[in-house]
Amino acid sequence: MSEQSPTPSGTTGEPAVERPHTGHGFGRVLVAVYGLLALAATGRSILQITEYFDRAPVPFLLSALAALIYLVATIGLARGDRASVRLATIALTVELVGVLVVGTWSVVRPEAFPEKTVWSHFGAGYGYVPLVLPLVGLWWIRRTARATAASDAEVARSAD
């Protein structure tokens, strides 16, 4: 017997339709990588700020900002509801802009970065993951949004 899902009126209707979700499938890998990056950036920024803040306050604060953005992206992608996905989209977009701006700035004016940040040299210290990850994350959000729209259309067609 197939699992039945309640209809809006509370009766049982068609079998439950699995809706695409940013935290399922490949999204789980993405969430795990973002979570790991959030931990790494948080640890790095806490150490830098507590021990060496006077050496380079701006780069260390940028590392803390990156950690916060990674945390927001992790939670948004893992939860997968519309508001969380919107928040994750904003976080990933800010991350991408940050990596591009800080990366360019650190190459053009290296003296402005006496100490490295997570985003220095486009994330070279992290294997360029900070540069690639927001692009992959935005692609995944777009892909699951399309799949959700297709799923919603299928449910609407079957209801008619």
C-alpha atoms as a PDB file:
ATOM      1  CA  MET A   1       0.000   0.000   0.000  1.00  0.00           C
ATOM      2  CA  SER A   2       1.356   3.437  -0.863  1.00  0.00           C
ATOM      3  CA  GLU A   3       1.696   6.203   1.669  1.00  0.00           C
ATOM      4  CA  GLN A   4      -1.172   8.658   1.467  1.00  0.00           C
ATOM      5  CA  SER A   5      -0.870  12.358   2.168  1.00  0.00           C
ATOM      6  CA  PRO A   6      -3.640  14.488   3.593  1.00  0.00           C
ATOM      7  CA  THR A   7      -5.342  16.832   1.177  1.00  0.00           C
ATOM      8  CA  PRO A   8      -6.102  20.415   2.174  1.00  0.00           C
ATOM      9  CA  SER A   9      -9.522  19.286   3.414  1.00  0.00           C
ATOM     10  CA  GLY A  10      -7.884  16.689   5.680  1.00  0.00           C
ATOM     11  CA  THR A  11      -8.933  13.609   3.700  1.00  0.00           C
ATOM     12  CA  THR A  12      -6.455  11.268   2.121  1.00  0.00           C
ATOM     13  CA  GLY A  13      -5.742  11.771  -1.533  1.00  0.00           C
ATOM     14  CA  GLU A  14      -3.019  10.754  -3.934  1.00  0.00           C
ATOM     15  CA  PRO A  15       0.308   9.312  -2.771  1.00  0.00           C
ATOM     16  CA  ALA A  16       2.637  11.892  -1.239  1.00  0.00           C
ATOM     17  CA  VAL A  17       4.814  13.639  -3.818  1.00  0.00           C
ATOM     18  CA  GLU A  18       8.444  14.085  -2.817  1.00  0.00           C
ATOM     19  CA  ARG A  19       9.201  17.752  -3.401  1.00  0.00           C
ATOM     20  CA  PRO A  20      12.742  18.711  -4.403  1.00  0.00           C
ATOM     21  CA  HIS A  21      14.634  20.274  -1.522  1.00  0.00           C
ATOM     22  CA  THR A  22      17.985  22.080  -1.354  1.00  0.00           C
ATOM     23  CA  GLY A  23      19.099  19.866   1.547  1.00  0.00           C
ATOM     24  CA  HIS A  24      18.489  16.510  -0.197  1.00  0.00           C
ATOM     25  CA  GLY A  25      20.660  14.563  -2.616  1.00  0.00           C
ATOM     26  CA  PHE A  26      23.640  16.591  -3.767  1.00  0.00           C
ATOM     27  CA  GLY A  27      22.392  19.342  -1.468  1.00  0.00           C
ATOM     28  CA  ARG A  28      23.502  17.259   1.525  1.00  0.00           C
ATOM     29  CA  VAL A  29      27.064  17.369   0.237  1.00  0.00           C
ATOM     30  CA  LEU A  30      26.744  21.106  -0.305  1.00  0.00           C
ATOM     31  CA  VAL A  31      25.404  21.594   3.233  1.00  0.00           C
ATOM     32  CA  ALA A  32      28.257  19.495   4.646  1.00  0.00           C
ATOM     33  CA  VAL A  33      30.908  21.466   2.755  1.00  0.00           C
ATOM     34  CA  TYR A  34      29.366  24.775   3.825  1.00  0.00           C
ATOM     35  CA  GLY A  35      29.180  23.534   7.410  1.00  0.00           C
ATOM     36  CA  LEU A  36      32.843  22.514   7.345  1.00  0.00           C
ATOM     37  CA  LEU A  37      33.827  25.857   5.832  1.00  0.00           C
ATOM     38  CA  ALA A  38      31.752  27.671   8.472  1.00  0.00           C
ATOM     39  CA  LEU A  39      33.622  25.808  11.230  1.00  0.00           C
ATOM     40  CA  ALA A  40      37.021  26.446   9.649  1.00  0.00           C
ATOM     41  CA  ALA A  41      36.360  30.141   9.046  1.00  0.00           C
ATOM     42  CA  THR A  42      34.900  30.581  12.532  1.00  0.00           C
ATOM     43  CA  GLY A  43      37.908  28.963  14.163  1.00  0.00           C
ATOM     44  CA  ARG A  44      40.308  30.983  12.062  1.00  0.00           C
ATOM     45  CA  SER A  45      38.564  34.287  12.733  1.00  0.00           C
ATOM     46  CA  ILE A  46      38.252  33.682  16.480  1.00  0.00           C
ATOM     47  CA  LEU A  47      41.953  32.935  16.716  1.00  0.00           C
ATOM     48  CA  GLN A  48      42.900  35.895  14.532  1.00  0.00           C
ATOM     49  CA  ILE A  49      40.666  38.356  16.370  1.00  0.00           C
ATOM     50  CA  THR A  50      41.545  37.220  19.895  1.00  0.00           C
ATOM     51  CA  GLU A  51      45.290  36.799  19.382  1.00  0.00           C
ATOM     52  CA  TYR A  52      46.396  39.019  16.508  1.00  0.00           C
ATOM     53  CA  PHE A  53      43.708  41.653  15.940  1.00  0.00           C
ATOM     54  CA  ASP A  54      46.158  44.590  16.113  1.00  0.00           C
ATOM     55  CA  ARG A  55      48.170  43.156  13.195  1.00  0.00           C
ATOM     56  CA  ALA A  56      45.390  43.352  10.601  1.00  0.00           C
ATOM     57  CA  PRO A  57      41.897  44.162  11.890  1.00  0.00           C
ATOM     58  CA  VAL A  58      40.193  44.454   8.492  1.00  0.00           C
ATOM     59  CA  PRO A  59      41.276  41.061   7.132  1.00  0.00           C
ATOM     60  CA  PHE A  60      40.371  39.370  10.412  1.00  0.00           C
ATOM     61  CA  LEU A  61      36.940  40.979  10.497  1.00  0.00           C
ATOM     62  CA  LEU A  62      36.435  39.873   6.883  1.00  0.00           C
ATOM     63  CA  SER A  63      37.201  36.304   7.960  1.00  0.00           C
ATOM     64  CA  ALA A  64      34.554  36.619  10.685  1.00  0.00           C
ATOM     65  CA  LEU A  65      32.068  37.971   8.116  1.00  0.00           C
ATOM     66  CA  ALA A  66      32.850  35.014   5.846  1.00  0.00           C
ATOM     67  CA  ALA A  67      32.222  32.625   8.747  1.00  0.00           C
ATOM     68  CA  LEU A  68      28.841  34.233   9.430  1.00  0.00           C
ATOM     69  CA  ILE A  69      27.878  34.056   5.752  1.00  0.00           C
ATOM     70  CA  TYR A  70      28.875  30.375   5.604  1.00  0.00           C
ATOM     71  CA  LEU A  71      26.767  29.657   8.671  1.00  0.00           C
ATOM     72  CA  VAL A  72      23.721  31.417   7.184  1.00  0.00           C
ATOM     73  CA  ALA A  73      24.200  29.566   3.882  1.00  0.00           C
ATOM     74  CA  THR A  74      24.511  26.223   5.691  1.00  0.00           C
ATOM     75  CA  ILE A  75      21.298  26.728   7.651  1.00  0.00           C
ATOM     76  CA  GLY A  76      19.371  28.094   4.662  1.00  0.00           C
ATOM     77  CA  LEU A  77      20.375  25.238   2.379  1.00  0.00           C
ATOM     78  CA  ALA A  78      19.722  22.619   5.053  1.00  0.00           C
ATOM     79  CA  ARG A  79      16.245  23.897   5.950  1.00  0.00           C
ATOM     80  CA  GLY A  80      15.135  24.297   2.354  1.00  0.00           C
ATOM     81  CA  ASP A  81      11.877  26.211   2.913  1.00  0.00           C
ATOM     82  CA  ARG A  82      11.238  29.254   0.722  1.00  0.00           C
ATOM     83  CA  ALA A  83      12.370  31.877   3.248  1.00  0.00           C
ATOM     84  CA  SER A  84      15.511  29.906   4.100  1.00  0.00           C
ATOM     85  CA  VAL A  85      16.365  29.401   0.438  1.00  0.00           C
ATOM     86  CA  ARG A  86      15.933  33.143  -0.188  1.00  0.00           C
ATOM     87  CA  LEU A  87      18.251  33.857   2.722  1.00  0.00           C
ATOM     88  CA  ALA A  88      20.764  31.302   1.425  1.00  0.00           C
ATOM     89  CA  THR A  89      20.586  32.888  -2.035  1.00  0.00           C
ATOM     90  CA  ILE A  90      21.388  36.291  -0.553  1.00  0.00           C
ATOM     91  CA  ALA A  91      24.223  34.789   1.533  1.00  0.00           C
ATOM     92  CA  LEU A  92      25.718  33.012  -1.500  1.00  0.00           C
ATOM     93  CA  THR A  93      25.479  36.142  -3.624  1.00  0.00           C
ATOM     94  CA  VAL A  94      27.160  38.254  -0.926  1.00  0.00           C
ATOM     95  CA  GLU A  95      29.781  35.531  -0.561  1.00  0.00           C
ATOM     96  CA  LEU A  96      30.520  35.514  -4.284  1.00  0.00           C
ATOM     97  CA  VAL A  97      30.787  39.308  -4.417  1.00  0.00           C
ATOM     98  CA  GLY A  98      32.976  39.241  -1.292  1.00  0.00           C
ATOM     99  CA  VAL A  99      35.329  36.623  -2.727  1.00  0.00           C
ATOM    100  CA  LEU A 100      35.637  38.556  -5.988  1.00  0.00           C
ATOM    101  CA  VAL A 101      36.169  41.952  -4.316  1.00  0.00           C
ATOM    102  CA  VAL A 102      38.519  40.763  -1.564  1.00  0.00           C
ATOM    103  CA  GLY A 103      40.304  38.420  -3.958  1.00  0.00           C
ATOM    104  CA  THR A 104      40.924  41.212  -6.443  1.00  0.00           C
ATOM    105  CA  TRP A 105      41.850  43.667  -3.690  1.00  0.00           C
ATOM    106  CA  SER A 106      44.344  41.224  -2.167  1.00  0.00           C
ATOM    107  CA  VAL A 107      46.030  40.704  -5.532  1.00  0.00           C
ATOM    108  CA  VAL A 108      46.075  44.359  -6.627  1.00  0.00           C
ATOM    109  CA  ARG A 109      46.976  45.806  -3.202  1.00  0.00           C
ATOM    110  CA  PRO A 110      48.643  43.017  -1.207  1.00  0.00           C
ATOM    111  CA  GLU A 111      49.871  45.542   1.381  1.00  0.00           C
ATOM    112  CA  ALA A 112      46.224  46.026   2.410  1.00  0.00           C
ATOM    113  CA  PHE A 113      46.256  42.382   3.528  1.00  0.00           C
ATOM    114  CA  PRO A 114      49.269  41.852   5.758  1.00  0.00           C
ATOM    115  CA  GLU A 115      47.441  38.737   6.994  1.00  0.00           C
ATOM    116  CA  LYS A 116      45.285  36.481   4.849  1.00  0.00           C
ATOM    117  CA  THR A 117      41.523  36.161   5.035  1.00  0.00           C
ATOM    118  CA  VAL A 118      39.358  33.257   3.937  1.00  0.00           C
ATOM    119  CA  TRP A 119      38.721  35.161   0.707  1.00  0.00           C
ATOM    120  CA  SER A 120      42.294  36.432   0.051  1.00  0.00           C
ATOM    121  CA  HIS A 121      43.557  35.575  -3.403  1.00  0.00           C
ATOM    122  CA  PHE A 122      40.103  34.197  -4.249  1.00  0.00           C
ATOM    123  CA  GLY A 123      40.257  31.610  -1.476  1.00  0.00           C
ATOM    124  CA  ALA A 124      43.623  30.155  -2.492  1.00  0.00           C
ATOM    125  CA  GLY A 125      44.351  29.159   1.116  1.00  0.00           C
ATOM    126  CA  TYR A 126      41.233  26.976   1.033  1.00  0.00           C
ATOM    127  CA  GLY A 127      41.871  25.409  -2.362  1.00  0.00           C
ATOM    128  CA  TYR A 128      39.706  28.044  -4.127  1.00  0.00           C
ATOM    129  CA  VAL A 129      36.635  26.454  -2.539  1.00  0.00           C
ATOM    130  CA  PRO A 130      35.362  29.915  -1.445  1.00  0.00           C
ATOM    131  CA  LEU A 131      35.358  30.975  -5.110  1.00  0.00           C
ATOM    132  CA  VAL A 132      33.690  27.861  -6.537  1.00  0.00           C
ATOM    133  CA  LEU A 133      31.233  27.061  -3.733  1.00  0.00           C
ATOM    134  CA  PRO A 134      28.855  30.029  -4.129  1.00  0.00           C
ATOM    135  CA  LEU A 135      28.589  29.328  -7.856  1.00  0.00           C
ATOM    136  CA  VAL A 136      27.750  25.683  -7.161  1.00  0.00           C
ATOM    137  CA  GLY A 137      25.323  26.702  -4.413  1.00  0.00           C
ATOM    138  CA  LEU A 138      23.492  29.197  -6.620  1.00  0.00           C
ATOM    139  CA  TRP A 139      23.298  26.589  -9.396  1.00  0.00           C
ATOM    140  CA  TRP A 140      21.843  24.055  -6.943  1.00  0.00           C
ATOM    141  CA  ILE A 141      19.242  26.505  -5.653  1.00  0.00           C
ATOM    142  CA  ARG A 142      18.199  27.306  -9.206  1.00  0.00           C
ATOM    143  CA  ARG A 143      18.054  23.621 -10.127  1.00  0.00           C
ATOM    144  CA  THR A 144      15.906  22.673  -7.131  1.00  0.00           C
ATOM    145  CA  ALA A 145      13.656  25.691  -7.729  1.00  0.00           C
ATOM    146  CA  ARG A 146      13.000  24.461 -11.265  1.00  0.00           C
ATOM    147  CA  ALA A 147      12.334  20.948  -9.999  1.00  0.00           C
ATOM    148  CA  THR A 148       9.966  22.331  -7.349  1.00  0.00           C
ATOM    149  CA  ALA A 149       8.083  24.308 -10.000  1.00  0.00           C
ATOM    150  CA  ALA A 150       7.812  21.182 -12.177  1.00  0.00           C
ATOM    151  CA  SER A 151       6.615  19.167  -9.164  1.00  0.00           C
ATOM    152  CA  ASP A 152       4.013  21.811  -8.310  1.00  0.00           C
ATOM    153  CA  ALA A 153       2.811  21.828 -11.930  1.00  0.00           C
ATOM    154  CA  GLU A 154       2.498  18.029 -11.897  1.00  0.00           C
ATOM    155  CA  VAL A 155       0.475  18.115  -8.673  1.00  0.00           C
ATOM    156  CA  ALA A 156      -1.797  20.810 -10.151  1.00  0.00           C
ATOM    157  CA  ARG A 157      -2.319  18.779 -13.353  1.00  0.00           C
ATOM    158  CA  SER A 158      -3.157  15.646 -11.397  1.00  0.00           C
ATOM    159  CA  ALA A 159      -5.655  17.561  -9.255  1.00  0.00           C
ATOM    160  CA  ASP A 160      -7.615  18.659 -12.330  1.00  0.00           C
END
